[in-house]
Amino acid sequence: MIQKNIGIFIILFFSWANAQAMPESFADLVAAQKDTVVNISTTEKVHMQPRMMPQLPGGQHSPFDQFFKDFFGQMPEQEKHALGTGFIVSNKGYIVTNNHVIKGADEIVVKTSNGKEYKASLVGSDEKLDVALLKIKAKHLHAAKLGDSDVLRVGDWVIAIGNPFGLEQTVTAGIVSARGRVIGSGPYDDYIQTDAAINPGNSGGPLFNNKGEVVGINTAIYTKSGGSNGIGFAIPINLAHSVFEELRKTGHVQRARLGVMIRDVDEETMLALGLKNKLGALVPQVQSGSAADKAGIQAGDVIVGVDQVKIHHAHDLPIRIARHSAGDKVMIHLIRDGHVLDIPVIVEAMPTSAKNHAGLKHKAMRLGLVLTRLDALSRQKLKVRVEDGLLVQAVRRGSPAARAGIEKGDVLYKVNGKLVHAPSDLVSIVEKMNDGGALRVMMDRHGNQAFTVIRLPKKEQK
């Protein structure tokens, strides 16, 4: 009897040890995955404000006037540098990082683990999720394997590899401290919290599970000193993975939506609707003609699940819908008048913002323009004479468009002799051109006709 109990104890002991024991070493994992991690350095050209010119006794007719204009009026460009991390997701040269790592950059350089450097092009980015996709022209790349962040448990081991403070290939380890963290950075906050040390320069780097699979993208830290306090945040790879292919194809993300206003269920609502708890997302309003309206979702419904996944808070719903593309069929589980209903909904595309219009794609994206179609209100406000064209809403500093003298408020109406009515018209023109080619642009600037030439960036060298 004693021997039997000892046997049971030994089995239980080894089961507990296998689940809880700290790994003896992460060395094999690091050796296998270090080539998937890259260093990212960016350069942004910053235009300095002109210095104040002194008042001269002779005014503009002073012999020193031209000297002071040259000295005070022409400030040189300065360069702003930043560092980050990324990881290879395809042996064809695609690299994932954070959008904030490369935002505003005029030049992006990727250094692989063997020390080779490559100029990277920005394929596309998603500002709301803080994800960007880059591409380099290189051979024999080692792509990381993506894991399943949905199965992560609080207490699981995780490993971060990155370039904190510019120190390349730095490895830190810790555990998953919490899941589903909302830190106020955007509508899709659903962060993995970890105590693996994450510092400035780690942004965009991979968070691995103990199988060597990427389960998160290291993105943010909570700190009062600027260094790690043991509270780091990573984007779950399942949430980010859903946008990679779309960025590769189009350069931007077109998210799905239901077309409802939502809020958390409070105590008063719970009692009024006869609910058993405060779980779910209350629908106070349904947009007329939206996907939800067409499917029969009503104001006063409480959405408690999507495709068998529970919705605990209102914040959970857009995150779950964001994993789908427009046209997908999702099953919405809701409570109405005390009854649980399952309603299929064909989700629709979220309205496209001006930034999404202008990202364009591939070569067109590199022009540095944020464009939208000219409307009647803008036409009247800007006092332009053309009736149709592409309104410039922003120009990235140091971009080909900026060097060509294009400004916010200009309206491009003819490119290479062809009228352009929508951003897609410009895309089709640019995509047919060779790197280093020139775009002949006719534009309306506050009612005045203007002409300029935009030179496309030359082909990148390996």
Foldseek 3Di string as FASTA:
>chain_A
DVVVVVVVVVVVVVVCCVVAPDDPDLVVLLVVFQQFKKKKKFKAKADDQFADFDADPVHCPDPCNVVSCVVRVDDDIDIDMAIAMWGAADQQFKIKFFQVRCPLGLWMWIAGPVGDIFTKDWFAHENQLRMTIIGTHDHDGDHAAADALVPFDFFFKKKWFWQAVNNHGDIWIWTFHDWQDDDPSHLQRTWGWFLTWDAGRHGHTFIAGSVSHGQWGWHDADDDPRGHPSTTITHGVLLVVLCPVVSNVWRYDWFWDQQFDWFWADPVLCVVLVHPDRFFIATQDGDPPGQNVVQPDDHGKGWQDKQPHGGGGNSVVSSVRRSDDQQDWIWTWIADSNDTDTIITRIHTDDDDQQSQQCGGDQSNQQQFRWFWDDPVLCVVLQADDDTFIATQQGRPPGLNVVQVDGHSKGWQAKPRHGDHGSVVVSVVRVPDAQQDKIWTWITGSHDIDITIGTGHHDTDD
